[in-house]
Structure formats: C-alpha cells, structure tokens
Amino acid sequence: MGHETVNGGSGPLGELILHERRQRSWSRQKLAELVRNAARKDGEVIATNGKSIERWELRGMTPQGPALSALASVLEQPVELLVALVAREAPEASQGLLAGPPAAPTDHEYIDSVRRTIQQLVGLEIQHGGSEIASMGVHAFRSVRRHLAAGAEPRLARDLQAAAAEMAEVAGWLLHDADRHEAARQMNNEGLYLARLAGDRSMELFILANASLLALFTRQPGEALMISEALLDTGNLTSREAVIFMTRQARALAQRGERDAALRRMDEAQATFWDGASSRDPAWAWWVDAAEVRAHIALAHADLGDHPRAAELLQRSVDDCPPQRRGARFIYLAQQLRADIQAGSWSDAETVIHQTLPYVGEVQSSRTTGLLLDGIGRIAQSGTPDRLVEASRHLATMLTAAGLGD
C-alpha cells in the first residue's frame, strides 16, 4: 500500500478529499495522476492510483509522508490542515501556541491559502455539520495565530489579521455546532480582537451575530439582548445585518417572557427582510434567507409558549431550505420535532422523525443531536401513542449506531 496508514472509517480527511475532488469534477484516476506529478516535482516517486484514492475517501486509509504533502499541494490546502485531519487533534481555543517558527512564509500566497481553507471548512460544515471538523478549525486558527505571533511585513499585517479574524469566526461557529460552547465563546473573543485590529467592521458584526446566537442557545437572553440592542441602536446596519439582530432581539425578549415587545420585534424583522436585500449587505449574509428568518421567529413563538405556531413555521423552514444546506435542514427538523411534541401533534412528530433519519450519521452536529435526544426524552415522558414511541426508539437506535446517542 505504500505511504498509507489505517484510521478506521472514512473520517474527516476522506470527506475532504471526496468533496474537493467532486468540486473539481475529477475522477479518482485524475486525482491520483495529479498527486503522482506533484510528488515527482518534489523528487519523490509514489505509486498512487485510483484505488489509493478510493481507500483514502471511503476506507479509512490515510496518505503519509510524500503522498500527504503531494495531496495537500494538489488540493491547494496547507499540509498542516491535512495533518490535523489525520491526527484528529482536538485542541481548545485557550491552549497556548505551538513553539517554533511558522512552517510556511507569511506572504500573499500563505494568506490566500488561509482563505481557501476557510472556504473548505465552510463547505464541509454546510454539508456535514461542525462536530467532526471543529478541531480542524481550531488547529487551522492556531496555525494562523503562530504567523501573527511571528510577525508579518507591515504591508501584509492587516490582511493577515483579517484572515485570522475570519478563521476565528469559522472555528467559533464549528465549536458551537459541536456543543463546545465555552471554547466557542473564547474563539469569538479572539476573533473580535483580531477583527478590530484589522479594522474589519463587517467581520466584527458577523462574530457578534454568532456570539448572540450562542447566548440564546445557552439561555442567556440578557447577553443576546445587550449585543443586539447596542448594534441596532447605531442605526448603521445594512438590511440583512438589521434582520439578524432583530431576530436575535425578538428571541431574547421571548426568552425573558416579554411577549408584546417580542411580537413587535418579530413583525419588524419580517418586514425588514421582505423589504429586500441591499447592495451594502456583506457577502457572509448569504444564509439570511426566508427559511432561516422564519426558523428564528418560530423559536421565539416557542419561547412564548405558542408551540403550534412554532411547529407550523418550522415545517415551512424545512420545506424552503435549499437541499444543499443539509446541516440547516437537520436542525430545523430537530427543532420542529420538539415543537410538535410540545404542541401534542403526535402524527406530525412521527412524520418529522422519519424525515430526520436520512441525516443521522450524515450530518455530525452535536447541538442538533442534543435537540433530538431532548425530543426523544419528552416522548418517553408524555404518554404518547405507541407508534410515536416506537419511532422515537428507532431514532435513538440510529443515533447510538452512528456514535451520537448517549
């Protein structure tokens, strides 16, 4: 087999290779040829072929040494990122930087590679969730942080700070999806610091949007309200930015039991969204679509105790969610399941469970798994019909088989 070791299962590196190859419309034979050629340029001769690529993608085999370096070159990814995938390292945001100088020079090419890594991580999260790749995001951020610590030429310093801030945003989001909330909070703080150093107000807002969502998820509405009100009061937000913080504010008010104020803010958020996007909206706001806004309005209704309305809106979010956003659809289903159970809509809850099953094991999202386990627990306690109990047990079995259950 040459330069390969066994990891067990396809793993995150296999997913990365498969995703990247399909993005470029390469066959396995084509990728193998490119890897051989890249190794040859480094003076190495390797026997990689189509079967090798299949083993890397699907059978838990991982390239080593020259093969791994050549693969990183072909995929235009830092070799450190691929090493992290192989090692499945899980450092927290608070751990110290590795000793020694950076492995690559801090130049425009390096900063471009950071941006490519960011896009790769985002693409993997959309399709497969954040739990498996959160450690990759942390590792990638720590690598960029080493470059910052070593120093960059003045002409590159701000670009490097901005790239590091964006990497911290991505890593923070992945940690949140992995249910590693304290690490996510620390990463968000790192990102805010770097975004301010870089003068990147847009990235600062993005990180604050994530921070306020994290506060809502952990039932800390005061923090979410503080963030959203401070930003909305500036009056200097774009259309989509305003919608984000209006929905955050509505949910925070709902969690605090301020019904009338929450309902008013929900209406304002929806009206602002349907007024349309503006040319000033940041590129990162692409995910602020009708399904996402409706889901947050639904969760505010749920916190106000209107579970039938929440379930109805979440069903529409599921229906409207683009098929490629599998992670988003998975969590909408998990949220709908809980709303249906709380509303006593047993038949709808059973349907949602069956809709959820194809995503189990495909999308690795610990926060979504937590919501599903909460729903299963509610079913067991609520004297529900036998068919729903049986469906929930099947879901629990599937989660356990995928390594996601208790």
Protein backbone atom coordinates (compact mmCIF):
# COMPACT_ATOMS: atom_id res chain seq x y z
CA MET A 1 0.00 0.00 0.00
CA GLY A 2 2.98 2.32 0.21
CA HIS A 3 2.56 5.56 2.13
CA GLU A 4 -0.70 4.75 3.95
CA THR A 5 -1.95 4.01 7.45
CA VAL A 6 -5.35 2.87 8.71
CA ASN A 7 -7.58 5.30 10.64
CA GLY A 8 -10.88 3.40 10.66
CA GLY A 9 -13.91 4.77 8.82
CA SER A 10 -13.66 7.38 6.10
CA GLY A 11 -13.03 10.18 8.62
CA PRO A 12 -12.78 13.92 8.01
CA LEU A 13 -9.79 13.62 5.66
CA GLY A 14 -11.69 11.19 3.45
CA GLU A 15 -14.65 13.58 3.39
CA LEU A 16 -12.36 16.47 2.46
CA ILE A 17 -10.76 14.55 -0.42
CA LEU A 18 -14.12 13.36 -1.75
CA HIS A 19 -15.67 16.83 -1.51
CA GLU A 20 -12.70 18.55 -3.17
CA ARG A 21 -12.48 16.00 -5.98
CA ARG A 22 -16.17 16.33 -6.78
CA GLN A 23 -15.98 20.12 -6.67
CA ARG A 24 -13.34 19.95 -9.40
CA SER A 25 -15.13 17.17 -11.35
CA TRP A 26 -12.05 14.95 -11.19
CA SER A 27 -12.13 11.19 -11.44
CA ARG A 28 -10.15 9.20 -8.91
CA GLN A 29 -7.68 8.34 -11.63
CA LYS A 30 -7.24 12.03 -12.45
CA LEU A 31 -6.60 12.95 -8.82
CA ALA A 32 -4.12 10.09 -8.48
CA GLU A 33 -2.23 11.32 -11.55
CA LEU A 34 -2.06 14.85 -10.16
CA VAL A 35 -0.76 13.58 -6.81
CA ARG A 36 1.93 11.49 -8.54
CA ASN A 37 3.00 14.51 -10.62
CA ALA A 38 3.14 16.77 -7.54
CA ALA A 39 5.30 14.24 -5.71
CA ARG A 40 7.58 13.93 -8.74
CA LYS A 41 8.20 17.69 -8.64
CA ASP A 42 9.48 17.21 -5.09
CA GLY A 43 11.78 14.43 -6.23
CA GLU A 44 9.57 11.65 -4.86
CA VAL A 45 8.17 8.62 -6.67
CA ILE A 46 4.89 7.24 -5.31
CA ALA A 47 2.55 4.59 -6.70
CA THR A 48 -0.75 6.35 -6.02
CA ASN A 49 -3.60 5.16 -8.27
CA GLY A 50 -7.40 5.25 -8.41
CA LYS A 51 -7.64 2.50 -5.81
CA SER A 52 -5.48 4.56 -3.47
CA ILE A 53 -7.89 7.49 -3.75
CA GLU A 54 -10.83 5.18 -3.06
CA ARG A 55 -9.11 3.89 0.08
CA TRP A 56 -8.43 7.44 1.25
CA GLU A 57 -12.01 8.56 0.62
CA LEU A 58 -14.00 5.59 1.81
CA ARG A 59 -11.96 3.03 3.72
CA GLY A 60 -10.16 4.97 6.41
CA MET A 61 -6.72 4.79 4.81
CA THR A 62 -4.63 7.97 5.03
CA PRO A 63 -1.69 9.06 2.89
CA GLN A 64 1.58 9.58 4.71
CA GLY A 65 4.83 11.44 4.08
CA PRO A 66 5.40 12.43 0.43
CA ALA A 67 1.89 11.33 -0.56
CA LEU A 68 0.27 13.61 2.03
CA SER A 69 2.44 16.56 1.02
CA ALA A 70 1.62 16.00 -2.66
CA LEU A 71 -2.09 15.71 -1.89
CA ALA A 72 -2.01 19.00 0.05
CA SER A 73 -0.35 20.68 -2.93
CA VAL A 74 -2.94 19.35 -5.39
CA LEU A 75 -5.88 20.33 -3.17
CA GLU A 76 -4.29 23.75 -2.53
CA GLN A 77 -4.52 23.26 1.23
CA PRO A 78 -1.90 23.80 3.96
CA VAL A 79 -0.27 20.48 4.77
CA GLU A 80 -0.81 21.31 8.47
CA LEU A 81 -4.56 21.10 7.92
CA LEU A 82 -4.31 17.62 6.42
CA VAL A 83 -2.03 16.53 9.24
CA ALA A 84 -4.66 17.72 11.73
CA LEU A 85 -7.28 15.64 9.94
CA VAL A 86 -5.10 12.56 10.09
CA ALA A 87 -4.27 13.08 13.76
CA ARG A 88 -7.83 14.14 14.70
CA GLU A 89 -6.35 16.66 17.12
CA ALA A 90 -8.77 18.46 19.43
CA PRO A 91 -7.05 21.49 20.96
CA GLU A 92 -9.25 24.06 22.66
CA ALA A 93 -9.08 27.73 21.75
CA SER A 94 -7.45 28.53 25.09
CA GLN A 95 -4.40 26.31 24.60
CA GLY A 96 -1.07 28.01 24.01
CA LEU A 97 0.57 28.39 20.63
CA LEU A 98 2.97 25.76 19.43
CA ALA A 99 6.61 26.63 19.87
CA GLY A 100 8.85 27.38 16.94
CA PRO A 101 8.54 29.46 13.78
CA PRO A 102 5.69 29.02 11.27
CA ALA A 103 6.15 26.23 8.75
CA ALA A 104 5.46 28.49 5.75
CA PRO A 105 6.49 32.08 4.96
CA THR A 106 3.92 34.76 5.71
CA ASP A 107 3.27 36.12 2.23
CA HIS A 108 0.31 36.73 -0.08
CA GLU A 109 0.30 33.08 -1.08
CA TYR A 110 0.01 32.00 2.54
CA ILE A 111 -2.88 34.40 3.22
CA ASP A 112 -4.64 33.12 0.10
CA SER A 113 -4.22 29.58 1.41
CA VAL A 114 -5.89 30.62 4.68
CA ARG A 115 -8.84 31.98 2.72
CA ARG A 116 -9.09 28.72 0.77
CA THR A 117 -9.05 26.73 4.00
CA ILE A 118 -11.87 28.89 5.33
CA GLN A 119 -13.98 28.18 2.25
CA GLN A 120 -13.24 24.47 2.52
CA LEU A 121 -14.29 24.36 6.17
CA VAL A 122 -17.48 26.28 5.43
CA GLY A 123 -18.33 23.91 2.58
CA LEU A 124 -17.80 20.87 4.79
CA GLU A 125 -19.91 22.35 7.59
CA ILE A 126 -22.84 23.10 5.29
CA GLN A 127 -22.90 19.51 4.08
CA HIS A 128 -21.69 17.53 7.11
CA GLY A 129 -22.06 19.68 10.22
CA GLY A 130 -19.40 21.07 12.51
CA SER A 131 -18.72 18.39 15.10
CA GLU A 132 -16.14 16.37 13.16
CA ILE A 133 -14.33 19.40 11.76
CA ALA A 134 -14.36 21.73 14.79
CA SER A 135 -10.90 20.55 15.79
CA MET A 136 -9.71 21.22 12.24
CA GLY A 137 -10.95 24.79 12.54
CA VAL A 138 -9.18 25.29 15.88
CA HIS A 139 -5.97 23.78 14.51
CA ALA A 140 -6.12 26.00 11.40
CA PHE A 141 -6.70 29.10 13.55
CA ARG A 142 -3.78 28.26 15.82
CA SER A 143 -1.59 27.93 12.74
CA VAL A 144 -2.58 31.43 11.57
CA ARG A 145 -2.08 32.73 15.09
CA ARG A 146 1.51 31.48 15.02
CA HIS A 147 2.11 33.59 11.92
CA LEU A 148 0.67 36.61 13.72
CA ALA A 149 2.88 35.96 16.72
CA ALA A 150 5.97 35.68 14.50
CA GLY A 151 5.09 38.95 12.80
CA ALA A 152 4.42 39.91 9.21
CA GLU A 153 5.63 42.67 6.94
CA PRO A 154 3.70 45.92 7.53
CA ARG A 155 2.11 45.70 4.06
CA LEU A 156 0.69 42.26 4.94
CA ALA A 157 -0.16 42.76 8.63
CA ARG A 158 -3.74 43.95 8.18
CA ASP A 159 -4.60 41.29 5.61
CA LEU A 160 -3.21 38.61 7.92
CA GLN A 161 -5.18 39.98 10.88
CA ALA A 162 -8.38 39.99 8.78
CA ALA A 163 -7.77 36.43 7.59
CA ALA A 164 -7.13 35.31 11.18
CA ALA A 165 -10.32 37.01 12.36
CA GLU A 166 -12.33 35.20 9.69
CA MET A 167 -10.72 31.88 10.59
CA ALA A 168 -11.63 32.51 14.24
CA GLU A 169 -15.23 33.21 13.21
CA VAL A 170 -15.41 29.90 11.36
CA ALA A 171 -13.72 27.97 14.17
CA GLY A 172 -16.05 29.57 16.73
CA TRP A 173 -19.10 28.55 14.72
CA LEU A 174 -17.83 24.97 14.33
CA LEU A 175 -17.20 24.75 18.08
CA HIS A 176 -20.75 25.97 18.73
CA ASP A 177 -22.16 23.30 16.41
CA ALA A 178 -20.01 20.75 18.24
CA ASP A 179 -21.60 21.82 21.56
CA ARG A 180 -18.26 23.12 22.83
CA HIS A 181 -19.75 26.38 23.94
CA GLU A 182 -17.06 27.74 26.28
CA ALA A 183 -14.41 27.11 23.62
CA ALA A 184 -16.69 28.82 21.08
CA ARG A 185 -17.02 31.84 23.34
CA GLN A 186 -13.23 32.08 23.69
CA MET A 187 -12.77 31.78 19.95
CA ASN A 188 -15.35 34.51 19.32
CA ASN A 189 -13.42 36.79 21.68
CA GLU A 190 -10.19 36.08 19.77
CA GLY A 191 -11.98 36.87 16.52
CA LEU A 192 -13.40 40.15 17.80
CA TYR A 193 -9.97 41.27 18.96
CA LEU A 194 -8.42 40.48 15.57
CA ALA A 195 -11.27 41.98 13.56
CA ARG A 196 -10.89 45.24 15.46
CA LEU A 197 -7.13 45.24 14.94
CA ALA A 198 -7.74 44.77 11.21
CA GLY A 199 -10.44 47.45 11.13
CA ASP A 200 -12.85 44.85 9.70
CA ARG A 201 -16.22 46.05 10.98
CA SER A 202 -18.14 43.61 8.80
CA MET A 203 -16.37 40.57 10.31
CA GLU A 204 -16.83 42.04 13.78
CA LEU A 205 -20.60 42.12 13.16
CA PHE A 206 -20.56 38.54 11.89
CA ILE A 207 -18.82 37.33 15.05
CA LEU A 208 -21.24 39.30 17.23
CA ALA A 209 -24.12 37.64 15.36
CA ASN A 210 -22.63 34.26 16.28
CA ALA A 211 -22.00 35.35 19.87
CA SER A 212 -25.60 36.48 20.32
CA LEU A 213 -26.88 33.19 18.88
CA LEU A 214 -24.63 31.27 21.27
CA ALA A 215 -26.09 33.29 24.14
CA LEU A 216 -29.63 32.39 23.05
CA PHE A 217 -28.76 28.71 22.65
CA THR A 218 -27.36 28.60 26.19
CA ARG A 219 -30.39 30.51 27.53
CA GLN A 220 -28.60 33.74 28.37
CA PRO A 221 -31.07 36.24 26.86
CA GLY A 222 -29.60 39.22 28.69
CA GLU A 223 -26.32 38.88 26.80
CA ALA A 224 -28.08 38.40 23.45
CA LEU A 225 -30.25 41.44 24.14
CA MET A 226 -27.27 43.57 25.12
CA ILE A 227 -25.45 42.75 21.87
CA SER A 228 -28.43 43.17 19.56
CA GLU A 229 -29.71 46.39 21.12
CA ALA A 230 -26.26 48.01 21.08
CA LEU A 231 -25.89 47.30 17.35
CA LEU A 232 -29.44 48.18 16.35
CA ASP A 233 -29.17 51.48 18.22
CA THR A 234 -26.28 52.56 16.00
CA GLY A 235 -28.64 52.72 13.01
CA ASN A 236 -25.73 51.90 10.72
CA LEU A 237 -26.59 48.31 9.77
CA THR A 238 -27.38 47.01 6.31
CA SER A 239 -30.75 45.40 5.62
CA ARG A 240 -29.64 41.83 6.27
CA GLU A 241 -27.48 42.79 9.26
CA ALA A 242 -30.51 44.51 10.81
CA VAL A 243 -32.67 41.42 10.23
CA ILE A 244 -30.12 39.22 12.03
CA PHE A 245 -30.03 41.36 15.15
CA MET A 246 -33.80 41.99 15.11
CA THR A 247 -34.42 38.23 15.22
CA ARG A 248 -31.83 37.87 17.98
CA GLN A 249 -33.57 40.62 19.94
CA ALA A 250 -37.02 39.08 19.39
CA ARG A 251 -35.83 35.71 20.68
CA ALA A 252 -34.11 37.28 23.69
CA LEU A 253 -37.29 39.18 24.59
CA ALA A 254 -39.29 35.98 24.21
CA GLN A 255 -36.92 34.06 26.48
CA ARG A 256 -37.39 36.82 29.06
CA GLY A 257 -41.19 36.50 28.75
CA GLU A 258 -41.70 39.99 27.30
CA ARG A 259 -44.46 38.90 24.94
CA ASP A 260 -45.68 42.16 23.41
CA ALA A 261 -42.18 43.51 22.77
CA ALA A 262 -41.09 40.18 21.28
CA LEU A 263 -44.08 40.04 18.92
CA ARG A 264 -43.45 43.61 17.75
CA ARG A 265 -39.81 42.83 17.03
CA MET A 266 -40.78 39.67 15.13
CA ASP A 267 -43.05 41.71 12.86
CA GLU A 268 -40.35 44.32 12.30
CA ALA A 269 -37.75 41.68 11.47
CA GLN A 270 -40.02 40.00 8.91
CA ALA A 271 -41.00 43.33 7.35
CA THR A 272 -37.34 44.35 7.05
CA PHE A 273 -36.47 41.02 5.47
CA TRP A 274 -39.24 41.23 2.87
CA ASP A 275 -38.21 44.80 2.03
CA GLY A 276 -35.32 43.03 0.30
CA ALA A 277 -31.56 42.92 0.40
CA SER A 278 -29.35 45.91 -0.28
CA SER A 279 -26.10 46.37 -2.18
CA ARG A 280 -24.36 47.10 1.11
CA ASP A 281 -25.14 43.69 2.59
CA PRO A 282 -21.97 41.68 3.34
CA ALA A 283 -21.21 38.55 1.35
CA TRP A 284 -21.32 36.47 4.53
CA ALA A 285 -25.04 37.21 4.94
CA TRP A 286 -25.92 34.76 2.14
CA TRP A 287 -27.53 32.41 4.69
CA VAL A 288 -30.07 35.03 5.83
CA ASP A 289 -32.91 33.61 3.73
CA ALA A 290 -36.63 33.12 4.31
CA ALA A 291 -36.14 29.69 5.90
CA GLU A 292 -33.58 30.99 8.41
CA VAL A 293 -35.59 34.07 9.40
CA ARG A 294 -38.77 32.02 9.74
CA ALA A 295 -36.99 29.46 11.93
CA HIS A 296 -35.86 32.13 14.38
CA ILE A 297 -39.35 33.63 14.50
CA ALA A 298 -40.65 30.12 15.20
CA LEU A 299 -38.24 29.68 18.11
CA ALA A 300 -39.38 32.99 19.57
CA HIS A 301 -43.00 31.75 19.39
CA ALA A 302 -41.94 28.54 21.11
CA ASP A 303 -40.36 30.51 23.96
CA LEU A 304 -43.64 32.40 24.30
CA GLY A 305 -45.47 29.06 24.62
CA ASP A 306 -47.15 29.09 21.19
CA HIS A 307 -45.88 25.67 20.13
CA PRO A 308 -48.42 25.02 17.33
CA ARG A 309 -47.35 28.24 15.61
CA ALA A 310 -43.69 27.38 16.12
CA ALA A 311 -44.19 23.93 14.60
CA GLU A 312 -46.04 25.37 11.61
CA LEU A 313 -43.30 27.89 10.87
CA LEU A 314 -40.52 25.34 11.30
CA GLN A 315 -42.25 22.99 8.87
CA ARG A 316 -42.19 25.79 6.31
CA SER A 317 -38.49 26.37 7.02
CA VAL A 318 -37.82 22.68 6.40
CA ASP A 319 -39.73 22.83 3.13
CA ASP A 320 -37.98 26.02 1.97
CA CYS A 321 -34.45 25.06 3.00
CA PRO A 322 -32.18 24.56 -0.05
CA PRO A 323 -31.27 20.85 -0.37
CA GLN A 324 -27.53 21.53 -0.27
CA ARG A 325 -27.85 23.08 3.20
CA ARG A 326 -28.19 19.72 4.89
CA GLY A 327 -26.96 20.93 8.27
CA ALA A 328 -29.58 23.68 8.40
CA ARG A 329 -32.39 21.33 7.37
CA PHE A 330 -31.32 18.81 10.01
CA ILE A 331 -31.55 21.33 12.84
CA TYR A 332 -34.86 22.74 11.56
CA LEU A 333 -36.25 19.19 11.74
CA ALA A 334 -34.91 18.71 15.27
CA GLN A 335 -36.48 22.00 16.34
CA GLN A 336 -39.75 21.08 14.66
CA LEU A 337 -39.82 17.72 16.43
CA ARG A 338 -39.63 19.42 19.82
CA ALA A 339 -42.31 21.96 18.85
CA ASP A 340 -44.64 19.19 17.59
CA ILE A 341 -44.18 17.24 20.82
CA GLN A 342 -44.86 20.31 22.94
CA ALA A 343 -47.93 21.07 20.82
CA GLY A 344 -49.19 17.48 21.17
CA SER A 345 -49.08 16.97 17.39
CA TRP A 346 -48.23 13.27 17.55
CA SER A 347 -48.77 12.41 13.90
CA ASP A 348 -46.64 15.35 12.76
CA ALA A 349 -43.91 14.39 15.23
CA GLU A 350 -43.81 10.85 13.81
CA THR A 351 -43.50 12.25 10.29
CA VAL A 352 -40.63 14.52 11.36
CA ILE A 353 -38.77 11.58 12.90
CA HIS A 354 -38.94 9.71 9.60
CA GLN A 355 -37.74 12.83 7.74
CA THR A 356 -34.82 13.11 10.15
CA LEU A 357 -33.47 9.56 9.80
CA PRO A 358 -31.58 10.08 6.49
CA TYR A 359 -29.47 12.82 8.10
CA VAL A 360 -28.36 10.73 11.10
CA GLY A 361 -24.71 9.86 10.58
CA GLU A 362 -24.53 12.11 7.51
CA VAL A 363 -24.55 15.40 9.42
CA GLN A 364 -22.35 15.50 12.51
CA SER A 365 -23.85 18.27 14.64
CA SER A 366 -23.76 17.76 18.40
CA ARG A 367 -26.13 20.66 19.07
CA THR A 368 -28.69 19.10 16.70
CA THR A 369 -28.18 15.68 18.28
CA GLY A 370 -28.84 17.26 21.68
CA LEU A 371 -32.16 18.65 20.44
CA LEU A 372 -33.15 15.24 19.06
CA LEU A 373 -32.28 13.50 22.32
CA ASP A 374 -34.33 16.09 24.18
CA GLY A 375 -37.27 15.33 21.89
CA ILE A 376 -36.89 11.59 22.43
CA GLY A 377 -36.85 12.14 26.19
CA ARG A 378 -40.04 14.20 26.01
CA ILE A 379 -41.78 11.46 24.02
CA ALA A 380 -40.84 8.87 26.64
CA GLN A 381 -42.36 11.02 29.39
CA SER A 382 -45.54 12.25 27.73
CA GLY A 383 -47.78 9.18 27.36
CA THR A 384 -47.68 9.43 23.57
CA PRO A 385 -49.13 6.87 21.11
CA ASP A 386 -47.27 3.59 20.70
CA ARG A 387 -46.35 4.33 17.07
CA LEU A 388 -44.59 7.56 18.04
CA VAL A 389 -42.80 5.84 20.93
CA GLU A 390 -41.60 3.12 18.56
CA ALA A 391 -40.45 5.72 16.00
CA SER A 392 -38.54 7.60 18.70
CA ARG A 393 -36.84 4.39 19.83
CA HIS A 394 -35.79 3.72 16.26
CA LEU A 395 -34.33 7.23 16.05
CA ALA A 396 -32.49 6.66 19.34
CA THR A 397 -31.08 3.40 18.00
CA MET A 398 -29.90 5.13 14.81
CA LEU A 399 -28.21 7.88 16.82
CA THR A 400 -26.45 5.33 19.01
CA ALA A 401 -25.33 3.29 15.98
CA ALA A 402 -23.87 6.48 14.48
CA GLY A 403 -21.99 7.16 17.71
CA LEU A 404 -24.23 10.12 18.51
CA GLY A 405 -26.52 8.85 21.26
CA ASP A 406 -25.98 8.52 24.99
